[in-house]
Structures are given as C-alpha cells and as structure tokens.
Amino acid sequence: MLILLGTQTMEHDRAEENRELERMLLEVAAGELEALAQLYERTRTAVYGLALSYVKNAHDAQDVTQDTFVRVWDSAHQYRPQGSPMGWLLTVCRNLALMKLRQGARHADLEEEEWNAIPAQQEGLSVEERELLQTALGQLEEQERRIVILHAVTGLKHREISALLELPLATVLSKYHRALKKMRVFLKGDDTQ
C-alpha cells in the first residue's frame, strides 16, 4: 500500500514538474527573461550532465549548456506542449552536443572529478551520500552512467531516454537494470568493509 502511495506521489510530482517546466517554456516563448532564469535554475544540472556525457570535458559541457539555453531562448516559440518539456530541452542539448563533437571537440575520456560534479550539484544529499553516489557512478560504463543520470537526475522515462539517445527501449532498460545491479553490488560490498 505504501509503495502504491509513493508511486502515485512520484507520478503527481513528475506531472506537476512537467506543468511547471511547460509554463516556463511558454513564458520564455513570450519573451519573459525571468522564466528563462527559472528554467535554467531548475534544469541546468540535467542539461550539463547530458552535455558532459557527450562531449566528455567540463569546459565543452559548460559551453553546450550555455548554448542550450541560448537556443531555448531563440526557439522556445517552436515548443509544442504535447510531450515532455524536459525531453524537448534535452533534445536541444543533445543536438548541440553532437554538433560540437562533429566540429572537432576533444574526445578524451571524462575525468572522474567531472562526473563527480553531476551528483554533487544535487540538492538534498549529504556529503557522504554524494561521495557514495559519485563512487558508485564511477563503477559504470559510459552509456550506463548516461542512462542512470538521465533517469535519476532528470526524471526522464526510459522511453524518453530511448528516443533521446536513439537506442532501442530494450537496450535502455537492459543497461539501466545492469547499471543498478552493478551499483547495488558495489554498495553492498562497500557496506561489508
């Protein structure tokens, strides 16, 4: 019963968040600069995390994040409130990240401290929880980490992640569950020490 109530609460919260993001996007489309600032505050961690997962260095990820919000300002009038506002925003980010890669951005492996910056920006976590989350995320392969971050940090559904990353839904689900299993094994091993 508690699980059902928790699930309903999470769905309600996600729907409320979607309505709020949608409102902000519509206000941005109407030229409201304050709405863009609010949208940035609410979504910057998710946008930065996705950009970082593609371009693999903090400087380029910051550039893509900034470019994403500039693009949102310029093209918010193209947003249609039919799908996920976060999905639309992250699609803009993904497209800009891919353009940056095509333009010859660096392809170096992501530094551990850059991945660590993603969960470190999440509110509501203690220092110990952040460190544990960062270490657990470090155990994952790049694509697994990207999928977990998109689901856990941005709240995207697996189907949305599938469309965003252009992967089959079965692959996203498989990698997500494999990643959770790896993290669970890591955390259980960490508890026994």
N, C-alpha and C. Protein backbone atom coordinates (compact mmCIF):
# COMPACT_ATOMS: atom_id res chain seq x y z
N MET A 1 0.82 -1.18 0.00
CA MET A 1 0.00 0.00 0.00
C MET A 1 0.87 1.26 0.00
N LEU A 2 1.92 1.25 0.85
CA LEU A 2 2.81 2.40 0.90
C LEU A 2 3.54 2.59 -0.42
N ILE A 3 3.91 1.49 -1.06
CA ILE A 3 4.59 1.59 -2.35
C ILE A 3 3.67 2.23 -3.38
N LEU A 4 2.41 1.84 -3.39
CA LEU A 4 1.44 2.41 -4.32
C LEU A 4 1.27 3.90 -4.08
N LEU A 5 1.15 4.30 -2.80
CA LEU A 5 1.04 5.72 -2.48
C LEU A 5 2.29 6.49 -2.89
N GLY A 6 3.45 5.89 -2.65
CA GLY A 6 4.71 6.52 -3.05
C GLY A 6 4.81 6.69 -4.55
N THR A 7 4.37 5.68 -5.30
CA THR A 7 4.39 5.75 -6.76
C THR A 7 3.44 6.82 -7.25
N GLN A 8 2.25 6.88 -6.65
CA GLN A 8 1.29 7.91 -7.05
C GLN A 8 1.82 9.30 -6.74
N THR A 9 2.46 9.46 -5.60
CA THR A 9 3.04 10.74 -5.23
C THR A 9 4.14 11.14 -6.22
N MET A 10 4.99 10.18 -6.59
CA MET A 10 6.05 10.47 -7.55
C MET A 10 5.48 10.87 -8.90
N GLU A 11 4.45 10.17 -9.35
CA GLU A 11 3.81 10.49 -10.63
C GLU A 11 3.18 11.88 -10.57
N HIS A 12 2.54 12.20 -9.45
CA HIS A 12 1.94 13.51 -9.28
C HIS A 12 3.02 14.60 -9.31
N ASP A 13 4.13 14.35 -8.59
CA ASP A 13 5.24 15.30 -8.56
C ASP A 13 5.82 15.50 -9.95
N ARG A 14 5.98 14.41 -10.70
CA ARG A 14 6.53 14.50 -12.06
C ARG A 14 5.58 15.27 -12.96
N ALA A 15 4.29 15.02 -12.84
CA ALA A 15 3.30 15.74 -13.65
C ALA A 15 3.31 17.23 -13.30
N GLU A 16 3.41 17.52 -12.02
CA GLU A 16 3.47 18.92 -11.58
C GLU A 16 4.74 19.59 -12.11
N GLU A 17 5.86 18.89 -12.05
CA GLU A 17 7.12 19.41 -12.57
C GLU A 17 7.01 19.67 -14.08
N ASN A 18 6.39 18.74 -14.80
CA ASN A 18 6.19 18.93 -16.24
C ASN A 18 5.34 20.16 -16.53
N ARG A 19 4.27 20.35 -15.77
CA ARG A 19 3.41 21.53 -15.96
C ARG A 19 4.19 22.81 -15.70
N GLU A 20 5.01 22.79 -14.66
CA GLU A 20 5.79 23.97 -14.32
C GLU A 20 6.83 24.28 -15.41
N LEU A 21 7.53 23.25 -15.89
CA LEU A 21 8.50 23.46 -16.96
C LEU A 21 7.81 23.93 -18.24
N GLU A 22 6.66 23.37 -18.51
CA GLU A 22 5.89 23.78 -19.68
C GLU A 22 5.49 25.25 -19.58
N ARG A 23 5.04 25.65 -18.41
CA ARG A 23 4.68 27.06 -18.18
C ARG A 23 5.87 27.96 -18.44
N MET A 24 7.03 27.56 -17.92
CA MET A 24 8.24 28.36 -18.11
C MET A 24 8.60 28.47 -19.58
N LEU A 25 8.53 27.35 -20.30
CA LEU A 25 8.86 27.39 -21.73
C LEU A 25 7.90 28.30 -22.50
N LEU A 26 6.64 28.27 -22.15
CA LEU A 26 5.67 29.14 -22.83
C LEU A 26 5.94 30.61 -22.50
N GLU A 27 6.35 30.88 -21.28
CA GLU A 27 6.69 32.25 -20.90
C GLU A 27 7.98 32.70 -21.59
N VAL A 28 8.95 31.79 -21.72
CA VAL A 28 10.17 32.11 -22.47
C VAL A 28 9.81 32.45 -23.91
N ALA A 29 8.91 31.67 -24.49
CA ALA A 29 8.47 31.92 -25.86
C ALA A 29 7.83 33.31 -25.99
N ALA A 30 7.22 33.79 -24.91
CA ALA A 30 6.60 35.11 -24.90
C ALA A 30 7.61 36.21 -24.57
N GLY A 31 8.88 35.85 -24.40
CA GLY A 31 9.92 36.84 -24.16
C GLY A 31 10.19 37.16 -22.71
N GLU A 32 9.74 36.30 -21.80
CA GLU A 32 9.94 36.54 -20.36
C GLU A 32 11.34 36.05 -19.94
N LEU A 33 12.23 36.98 -19.69
CA LEU A 33 13.60 36.64 -19.30
C LEU A 33 13.65 35.96 -17.94
N GLU A 34 12.77 36.36 -17.03
CA GLU A 34 12.74 35.74 -15.70
C GLU A 34 12.37 34.26 -15.79
N ALA A 35 11.50 33.91 -16.73
CA ALA A 35 11.13 32.50 -16.93
C ALA A 35 12.34 31.70 -17.41
N LEU A 36 13.17 32.30 -18.24
CA LEU A 36 14.39 31.62 -18.69
C LEU A 36 15.33 31.38 -17.51
N ALA A 37 15.44 32.36 -16.63
CA ALA A 37 16.29 32.21 -15.44
C ALA A 37 15.76 31.08 -14.55
N GLN A 38 14.44 31.01 -14.38
CA GLN A 38 13.84 29.94 -13.58
C GLN A 38 14.06 28.58 -14.24
N LEU A 39 13.89 28.53 -15.55
CA LEU A 39 14.10 27.28 -16.29
C LEU A 39 15.55 26.82 -16.13
N TYR A 40 16.46 27.76 -16.24
CA TYR A 40 17.88 27.45 -16.08
C TYR A 40 18.15 26.88 -14.69
N GLU A 41 17.63 27.53 -13.66
CA GLU A 41 17.85 27.06 -12.29
C GLU A 41 17.32 25.64 -12.09
N ARG A 42 16.17 25.35 -12.65
CA ARG A 42 15.54 24.05 -12.47
C ARG A 42 16.21 22.94 -13.26
N THR A 43 16.78 23.25 -14.42
CA THR A 43 17.19 22.19 -15.34
C THR A 43 18.68 22.17 -15.65
N ARG A 44 19.45 23.09 -15.14
CA ARG A 44 20.85 23.19 -15.55
C ARG A 44 21.66 21.94 -15.23
N THR A 45 21.40 21.30 -14.10
CA THR A 45 22.16 20.10 -13.73
C THR A 45 21.92 18.99 -14.74
N ALA A 46 20.67 18.80 -15.13
CA ALA A 46 20.34 17.75 -16.10
C ALA A 46 20.94 18.07 -17.46
N VAL A 47 20.85 19.32 -17.88
CA VAL A 47 21.40 19.72 -19.18
C VAL A 47 22.91 19.56 -19.17
N TYR A 48 23.55 20.02 -18.12
CA TYR A 48 25.01 19.89 -18.01
C TYR A 48 25.42 18.41 -17.99
N GLY A 49 24.69 17.60 -17.24
CA GLY A 49 25.01 16.17 -17.17
C GLY A 49 24.93 15.50 -18.52
N LEU A 50 23.90 15.81 -19.29
CA LEU A 50 23.78 15.23 -20.62
C LEU A 50 24.89 15.74 -21.53
N ALA A 51 25.14 17.03 -21.51
CA ALA A 51 26.20 17.60 -22.34
C ALA A 51 27.55 16.96 -21.99
N LEU A 52 27.82 16.82 -20.72
CA LEU A 52 29.07 16.23 -20.26
C LEU A 52 29.20 14.78 -20.72
N SER A 53 28.10 14.06 -20.74
CA SER A 53 28.16 12.67 -21.16
C SER A 53 28.49 12.53 -22.64
N TYR A 54 28.23 13.56 -23.42
CA TYR A 54 28.57 13.53 -24.84
C TYR A 54 29.96 14.09 -25.12
N VAL A 55 30.24 15.30 -24.64
CA VAL A 55 31.49 15.97 -25.04
C VAL A 55 32.68 15.58 -24.18
N LYS A 56 32.42 15.04 -23.02
CA LYS A 56 33.44 14.42 -22.16
C LYS A 56 34.49 15.35 -21.56
N ASN A 57 34.20 16.63 -21.51
CA ASN A 57 35.05 17.51 -20.72
C ASN A 57 34.24 18.69 -20.22
N ALA A 58 34.60 19.17 -19.05
CA ALA A 58 33.78 20.16 -18.35
C ALA A 58 33.65 21.46 -19.13
N HIS A 59 34.72 21.93 -19.74
CA HIS A 59 34.67 23.21 -20.47
C HIS A 59 33.68 23.15 -21.62
N ASP A 60 33.79 22.12 -22.44
CA ASP A 60 32.86 21.98 -23.57
C ASP A 60 31.43 21.76 -23.09
N ALA A 61 31.28 21.02 -21.99
CA ALA A 61 29.93 20.78 -21.45
C ALA A 61 29.31 22.09 -20.97
N GLN A 62 30.12 22.95 -20.37
CA GLN A 62 29.61 24.26 -19.96
C GLN A 62 29.20 25.09 -21.17
N ASP A 63 30.00 25.02 -22.23
CA ASP A 63 29.66 25.73 -23.47
C ASP A 63 28.34 25.22 -24.05
N VAL A 64 28.19 23.91 -24.11
CA VAL A 64 26.96 23.31 -24.66
C VAL A 64 25.77 23.69 -23.78
N THR A 65 25.96 23.68 -22.47
CA THR A 65 24.87 24.05 -21.55
C THR A 65 24.44 25.49 -21.81
N GLN A 66 25.41 26.38 -21.91
CA GLN A 66 25.09 27.78 -22.18
C GLN A 66 24.41 27.92 -23.55
N ASP A 67 24.95 27.25 -24.55
CA ASP A 67 24.36 27.30 -25.89
C ASP A 67 22.94 26.76 -25.89
N THR A 68 22.69 25.75 -25.06
CA THR A 68 21.34 25.16 -24.98
C THR A 68 20.33 26.21 -24.54
N PHE A 69 20.67 26.97 -23.51
CA PHE A 69 19.72 27.96 -23.01
C PHE A 69 19.59 29.15 -23.94
N VAL A 70 20.66 29.47 -24.68
CA VAL A 70 20.55 30.50 -25.71
C VAL A 70 19.60 30.01 -26.81
N ARG A 71 19.78 28.76 -27.21
CA ARG A 71 18.92 28.19 -28.25
C ARG A 71 17.47 28.11 -27.78
N VAL A 72 17.27 27.75 -26.52
CA VAL A 72 15.91 27.71 -25.97
C VAL A 72 15.28 29.10 -26.03
N TRP A 73 16.05 30.12 -25.68
CA TRP A 73 15.55 31.50 -25.74
C TRP A 73 15.14 31.85 -27.18
N ASP A 74 15.97 31.44 -28.13
CA ASP A 74 15.71 31.77 -29.53
C ASP A 74 14.58 30.95 -30.15
N SER A 75 14.38 29.73 -29.67
CA SER A 75 13.43 28.84 -30.36
C SER A 75 12.32 28.29 -29.47
N ALA A 76 12.10 28.89 -28.31
CA ALA A 76 11.05 28.42 -27.42
C ALA A 76 9.68 28.50 -28.08
N HIS A 77 9.53 29.40 -29.04
CA HIS A 77 8.25 29.51 -29.74
C HIS A 77 7.94 28.25 -30.56
N GLN A 78 8.96 27.41 -30.81
CA GLN A 78 8.75 26.17 -31.56
C GLN A 78 8.29 25.02 -30.66
N TYR A 79 8.40 25.20 -29.35
CA TYR A 79 7.97 24.15 -28.42
C TYR A 79 6.46 24.01 -28.48
N ARG A 80 6.01 22.78 -28.58
CA ARG A 80 4.58 22.47 -28.57
C ARG A 80 4.30 21.64 -27.32
N PRO A 81 3.40 22.11 -26.46
CA PRO A 81 3.12 21.40 -25.20
C PRO A 81 2.36 20.09 -25.41
N GLN A 82 3.01 19.14 -26.05
CA GLN A 82 2.40 17.84 -26.28
C GLN A 82 3.20 16.73 -25.60
N GLY A 83 4.51 16.89 -25.57
CA GLY A 83 5.35 15.85 -25.00
C GLY A 83 5.94 16.31 -23.68
N SER A 84 7.12 15.84 -23.42
CA SER A 84 7.83 16.17 -22.20
C SER A 84 8.64 17.45 -22.40
N PRO A 85 8.42 18.47 -21.58
CA PRO A 85 9.22 19.69 -21.72
C PRO A 85 10.71 19.41 -21.46
N MET A 86 10.99 18.54 -20.50
CA MET A 86 12.39 18.20 -20.23
C MET A 86 12.98 17.44 -21.40
N GLY A 87 12.21 16.57 -22.01
CA GLY A 87 12.67 15.85 -23.19
C GLY A 87 13.01 16.80 -24.32
N TRP A 88 12.19 17.82 -24.54
CA TRP A 88 12.44 18.80 -25.58
C TRP A 88 13.74 19.55 -25.29
N LEU A 89 13.88 19.99 -24.05
CA LEU A 89 15.08 20.72 -23.63
C LEU A 89 16.34 19.87 -23.81
N LEU A 90 16.26 18.61 -23.39
CA LEU A 90 17.43 17.73 -23.51
C LEU A 90 17.71 17.35 -24.96
N THR A 91 16.71 17.34 -25.81
CA THR A 91 16.94 17.10 -27.23
C THR A 91 17.72 18.26 -27.83
N VAL A 92 17.38 19.48 -27.43
CA VAL A 92 18.14 20.65 -27.87
C VAL A 92 19.59 20.50 -27.43
N CYS A 93 19.79 20.12 -26.18
CA CYS A 93 21.14 19.93 -25.64
C CYS A 93 21.89 18.84 -26.41
N ARG A 94 21.24 17.71 -26.61
CA ARG A 94 21.89 16.60 -27.32
C ARG A 94 22.31 17.03 -28.73
N ASN A 95 21.44 17.71 -29.43
CA ASN A 95 21.76 18.15 -30.79
C ASN A 95 22.96 19.10 -30.80
N LEU A 96 23.00 20.00 -29.84
CA LEU A 96 24.14 20.93 -29.76
C LEU A 96 25.42 20.19 -29.39
N ALA A 97 25.32 19.21 -28.50
CA ALA A 97 26.50 18.43 -28.11
C ALA A 97 27.03 17.64 -29.31
N LEU A 98 26.13 17.05 -30.07
CA LEU A 98 26.55 16.30 -31.25
C LEU A 98 27.18 17.22 -32.29
N MET A 99 26.63 18.43 -32.44
CA MET A 99 27.24 19.40 -33.36
C MET A 99 28.65 19.76 -32.91
N LYS A 100 28.81 19.94 -31.62
CA LYS A 100 30.13 20.27 -31.07
C LYS A 100 31.11 19.14 -31.34
N LEU A 101 30.67 17.91 -31.18
CA LEU A 101 31.54 16.77 -31.46
C LEU A 101 31.91 16.72 -32.95
N ARG A 102 30.95 16.99 -33.81
CA ARG A 102 31.23 16.98 -35.25
C ARG A 102 32.19 18.09 -35.63
N GLN A 103 32.19 19.17 -34.89
CA GLN A 103 33.08 20.30 -35.17
C GLN A 103 34.49 20.06 -34.64
N GLY A 104 34.72 18.88 -34.09
CA GLY A 104 36.08 18.53 -33.68
C GLY A 104 36.38 18.74 -32.22
N ALA A 105 35.36 18.69 -31.38
CA ALA A 105 35.61 18.81 -29.95
C ALA A 105 36.47 17.64 -29.49
N ARG A 106 37.14 17.82 -28.38
CA ARG A 106 38.01 16.78 -27.84
C ARG A 106 37.23 15.52 -27.48
N HIS A 107 37.84 14.36 -27.67
CA HIS A 107 37.20 13.08 -27.39
C HIS A 107 37.85 12.36 -26.22
N ALA A 108 38.52 13.11 -25.35
CA ALA A 108 39.20 12.48 -24.22
C ALA A 108 38.19 11.86 -23.27
N ASP A 109 38.64 10.87 -22.51
CA ASP A 109 37.75 10.27 -21.52
C ASP A 109 37.38 11.30 -20.47
N LEU A 110 36.22 11.15 -19.95
CA LEU A 110 35.72 12.05 -18.94
C LEU A 110 36.51 11.86 -17.65
N GLU A 111 36.99 12.95 -17.10
CA GLU A 111 37.74 12.89 -15.84
C GLU A 111 36.78 12.58 -14.70
N GLU A 112 37.27 11.86 -13.73
CA GLU A 112 36.43 11.45 -12.60
C GLU A 112 35.81 12.64 -11.89
N GLU A 113 36.57 13.72 -11.69
CA GLU A 113 36.01 14.88 -10.99
C GLU A 113 34.90 15.56 -11.79
N GLU A 114 34.93 15.41 -13.13
CA GLU A 114 33.87 15.99 -13.94
C GLU A 114 32.57 15.21 -13.76
N TRP A 115 32.66 13.86 -13.72
CA TRP A 115 31.47 13.07 -13.44
C TRP A 115 30.99 13.36 -12.03
N ASN A 116 31.92 13.56 -11.12
CA ASN A 116 31.56 13.80 -9.73
C ASN A 116 30.79 15.10 -9.56
N ALA A 117 30.97 16.04 -10.48
CA ALA A 117 30.29 17.32 -10.39
C ALA A 117 28.78 17.17 -10.58
N ILE A 118 28.35 16.11 -11.26
CA ILE A 118 26.92 15.96 -11.54
C ILE A 118 26.14 15.66 -10.27
N PRO A 119 26.42 14.57 -9.56
CA PRO A 119 25.65 14.34 -8.33
C PRO A 119 25.97 15.35 -7.25
N ALA A 120 27.14 15.98 -7.31
CA ALA A 120 27.50 16.97 -6.29
C ALA A 120 26.58 18.17 -6.35
N GLN A 121 25.96 18.41 -7.51
CA GLN A 121 25.07 19.55 -7.65
C GLN A 121 23.66 19.24 -7.19
N GLN A 122 23.36 17.97 -6.91
CA GLN A 122 22.01 17.59 -6.50
C GLN A 122 21.76 18.06 -5.07
N GLU A 123 20.58 18.64 -4.87
CA GLU A 123 20.20 19.09 -3.54
C GLU A 123 19.64 17.92 -2.73
N GLY A 124 19.69 18.06 -1.43
CA GLY A 124 19.07 17.07 -0.56
C GLY A 124 19.94 15.88 -0.23
N LEU A 125 21.18 15.88 -0.68
CA LEU A 125 22.08 14.76 -0.37
C LEU A 125 23.14 15.24 0.61
N SER A 126 23.46 14.39 1.58
CA SER A 126 24.54 14.72 2.50
C SER A 126 25.88 14.54 1.78
N VAL A 127 26.93 15.03 2.36
CA VAL A 127 28.26 14.89 1.77
C VAL A 127 28.61 13.42 1.58
N GLU A 128 28.29 12.59 2.58
CA GLU A 128 28.60 11.16 2.49
C GLU A 128 27.80 10.50 1.37
N GLU A 129 26.52 10.88 1.25
CA GLU A 129 25.68 10.31 0.19
C GLU A 129 26.19 10.71 -1.18
N ARG A 130 26.63 11.95 -1.32
CA ARG A 130 27.18 12.40 -2.61
C ARG A 130 28.44 11.62 -2.97
N GLU A 131 29.32 11.47 -2.00
CA GLU A 131 30.56 10.74 -2.25
C GLU A 131 30.28 9.29 -2.64
N LEU A 132 29.35 8.67 -1.95
CA LEU A 132 28.99 7.29 -2.25
C LEU A 132 28.36 7.19 -3.65
N LEU A 133 27.48 8.12 -3.97
CA LEU A 133 26.85 8.14 -5.29
C LEU A 133 27.90 8.35 -6.38
N GLN A 134 28.82 9.26 -6.16
CA GLN A 134 29.87 9.53 -7.15
C GLN A 134 30.73 8.30 -7.38
N THR A 135 31.10 7.63 -6.30
CA THR A 135 31.92 6.43 -6.43
C THR A 135 31.16 5.32 -7.14
N ALA A 136 29.89 5.15 -6.78
CA ALA A 136 29.07 4.12 -7.43
C ALA A 136 28.90 4.41 -8.92
N LEU A 137 28.66 5.67 -9.28
CA LEU A 137 28.53 6.04 -10.69
C LEU A 137 29.84 5.78 -11.45
N GLY A 138 30.95 5.93 -10.75
CA GLY A 138 32.25 5.69 -11.36
C GLY A 138 32.47 4.24 -11.75
N GLN A 139 31.66 3.33 -11.19
CA GLN A 139 31.79 1.90 -11.50
C GLN A 139 31.11 1.53 -12.82
N LEU A 140 30.35 2.46 -13.38
CA LEU A 140 29.54 2.15 -14.56
C LEU A 140 30.26 2.49 -15.86
N GLU A 141 29.84 1.80 -16.92
CA GLU A 141 30.31 2.15 -18.26
C GLU A 141 29.65 3.47 -18.66
N GLU A 142 30.23 4.13 -19.64
CA GLU A 142 29.76 5.45 -20.05
C GLU A 142 28.27 5.48 -20.37
N GLN A 143 27.81 4.58 -21.20
CA GLN A 143 26.40 4.59 -21.61
C GLN A 143 25.48 4.26 -20.43
N GLU A 144 25.89 3.35 -19.58
CA GLU A 144 25.11 3.02 -18.39
C GLU A 144 24.99 4.25 -17.49
N ARG A 145 26.09 4.94 -17.30
CA ARG A 145 26.11 6.13 -16.45
C ARG A 145 25.19 7.20 -17.02
N ARG A 146 25.25 7.37 -18.34
CA ARG A 146 24.41 8.37 -19.01
C ARG A 146 22.93 8.04 -18.78
N ILE A 147 22.56 6.79 -18.93
CA ILE A 147 21.16 6.37 -18.77
C ILE A 147 20.70 6.55 -17.32
N VAL A 148 21.54 6.17 -16.37
CA VAL A 148 21.18 6.33 -14.95
C VAL A 148 21.01 7.80 -14.62
N ILE A 149 21.92 8.64 -15.07
CA ILE A 149 21.83 10.07 -14.78
C ILE A 149 20.58 10.67 -15.41
N LEU A 150 20.31 10.30 -16.65
CA LEU A 150 19.11 10.84 -17.31
C LEU A 150 17.84 10.42 -16.58
N HIS A 151 17.81 9.19 -16.09
CA HIS A 151 16.61 8.72 -15.40
C HIS A 151 16.53 9.29 -13.98
N ALA A 152 17.63 9.21 -13.25
CA ALA A 152 17.62 9.60 -11.84
C ALA A 152 17.67 11.11 -11.64
N VAL A 153 18.50 11.80 -12.41
CA VAL A 153 18.68 13.24 -12.20
C VAL A 153 17.59 14.03 -12.92
N THR A 154 17.30 13.68 -14.16
CA THR A 154 16.33 14.46 -14.92
C THR A 154 14.92 13.95 -14.79
N GLY A 155 14.76 12.70 -14.34
CA GLY A 155 13.44 12.13 -14.20
C GLY A 155 12.82 11.68 -15.51
N LEU A 156 13.63 11.57 -16.56
CA LEU A 156 13.09 11.11 -17.83
C LEU A 156 12.67 9.65 -17.73
N LYS A 157 11.62 9.31 -18.44
CA LYS A 157 11.19 7.91 -18.51
C LYS A 157 12.09 7.17 -19.48
N HIS A 158 12.14 5.85 -19.34
CA HIS A 158 13.02 5.05 -20.18
C HIS A 158 12.71 5.23 -21.67
N ARG A 159 11.45 5.36 -22.00
CA ARG A 159 11.05 5.56 -23.40
C ARG A 159 11.61 6.90 -23.92
N GLU A 160 11.60 7.93 -23.08
CA GLU A 160 12.14 9.23 -23.47
C GLU A 160 13.66 9.15 -23.63
N ILE A 161 14.30 8.41 -22.74
CA ILE A 161 15.76 8.23 -22.84
C ILE A 161 16.09 7.48 -24.13
N SER A 162 15.30 6.48 -24.44
CA SER A 162 15.48 5.72 -25.67
C SER A 162 15.44 6.64 -26.89
N ALA A 163 14.45 7.51 -26.94
CA ALA A 163 14.33 8.44 -28.07
C ALA A 163 15.47 9.45 -28.07
N LEU A 164 15.82 9.95 -26.91
CA LEU A 164 16.86 10.96 -26.80
C LEU A 164 18.22 10.42 -27.22
N LEU A 165 18.55 9.21 -26.77
CA LEU A 165 19.86 8.62 -27.07
C LEU A 165 19.85 7.81 -28.37
N GLU A 166 18.67 7.71 -28.97
CA GLU A 166 18.50 6.95 -30.21
C GLU A 166 18.96 5.51 -30.03
N LEU A 167 18.45 4.90 -28.96
CA LEU A 167 18.72 3.50 -28.64
C LEU A 167 17.39 2.77 -28.53
N PRO A 168 17.38 1.47 -28.83
CA PRO A 168 16.14 0.72 -28.62
C PRO A 168 15.76 0.73 -27.14
N LEU A 169 14.46 0.76 -26.88
CA LEU A 169 13.98 0.77 -25.50
C LEU A 169 14.52 -0.42 -24.71
N ALA A 170 14.57 -1.59 -25.34
CA ALA A 170 15.08 -2.78 -24.65
C ALA A 170 16.53 -2.58 -24.21
N THR A 171 17.32 -1.91 -25.03
CA THR A 171 18.73 -1.64 -24.69
C THR A 171 18.81 -0.70 -23.50
N VAL A 172 17.99 0.34 -23.52
CA VAL A 172 17.98 1.30 -22.40
C VAL A 172 17.59 0.59 -21.10
N LEU A 173 16.53 -0.19 -21.16
CA LEU A 173 16.09 -0.91 -19.97
C LEU A 173 17.15 -1.89 -19.47
N SER A 174 17.75 -2.62 -20.40
CA SER A 174 18.78 -3.58 -20.04
C SER A 174 19.98 -2.89 -19.39
N LYS A 175 20.45 -1.82 -20.01
CA LYS A 175 21.61 -1.10 -19.47
C LYS A 175 21.29 -0.45 -18.13
N TYR A 176 20.08 0.05 -18.00
CA TYR A 176 19.67 0.68 -16.74
C TYR A 176 19.67 -0.35 -15.61
N HIS A 177 19.05 -1.49 -15.86
CA HIS A 177 18.98 -2.52 -14.82
C HIS A 177 20.36 -3.12 -14.53
N ARG A 178 21.18 -3.27 -15.55
CA ARG A 178 22.55 -3.75 -15.34
C ARG A 178 23.33 -2.74 -14.49
N ALA A 179 23.14 -1.47 -14.77
CA ALA A 179 23.83 -0.43 -14.01
C ALA A 179 23.39 -0.44 -12.55
N LEU A 180 22.08 -0.55 -12.33
CA LEU A 180 21.59 -0.61 -10.95
C LEU A 180 22.16 -1.81 -10.22
N LYS A 181 22.24 -2.94 -10.91
CA LYS A 181 22.79 -4.15 -10.30
C LYS A 181 24.26 -3.93 -9.93
N LYS A 182 25.03 -3.33 -10.85
CA LYS A 182 26.44 -3.04 -10.55
C LYS A 182 26.56 -2.12 -9.34
N MET A 183 25.71 -1.09 -9.30
CA MET A 183 25.78 -0.15 -8.19
C MET A 183 25.38 -0.84 -6.88
N ARG A 184 24.38 -1.70 -6.94
CA ARG A 184 23.92 -2.43 -5.75
C ARG A 184 25.04 -3.33 -5.23
N VAL A 185 25.69 -4.06 -6.14
CA VAL A 185 26.79 -4.93 -5.74
C VAL A 185 27.92 -4.10 -5.13
N PHE A 186 28.23 -2.98 -5.76
CA PHE A 186 29.28 -2.10 -5.23
C PHE A 186 28.92 -1.61 -3.83
N LEU A 187 27.67 -1.15 -3.67
CA LEU A 187 27.25 -0.59 -2.38
C LEU A 187 27.19 -1.67 -1.29
N LYS A 188 26.76 -2.87 -1.64
CA LYS A 188 26.74 -3.96 -0.66
C LYS A 188 28.15 -4.32 -0.26
N GLY A 189 29.06 -4.37 -1.21
CA GLY A 189 30.45 -4.66 -0.93
C GLY A 189 31.06 -3.59 -0.07
N ASP A 190 30.63 -2.34 -0.32
CA ASP A 190 31.14 -1.20 0.45
C ASP A 190 30.65 -1.25 1.88
N ASP A 191 29.43 -1.74 2.09
CA ASP A 191 28.87 -1.81 3.45
C ASP A 191 29.55 -2.87 4.30
N THR A 192 30.10 -3.91 3.68
CA THR A 192 30.67 -5.02 4.44
C THR A 192 32.07 -4.73 4.94
N GLN A 193 32.66 -3.68 4.46
CA GLN A 193 34.04 -3.38 4.86
C GLN A 193 34.09 -2.75 6.21
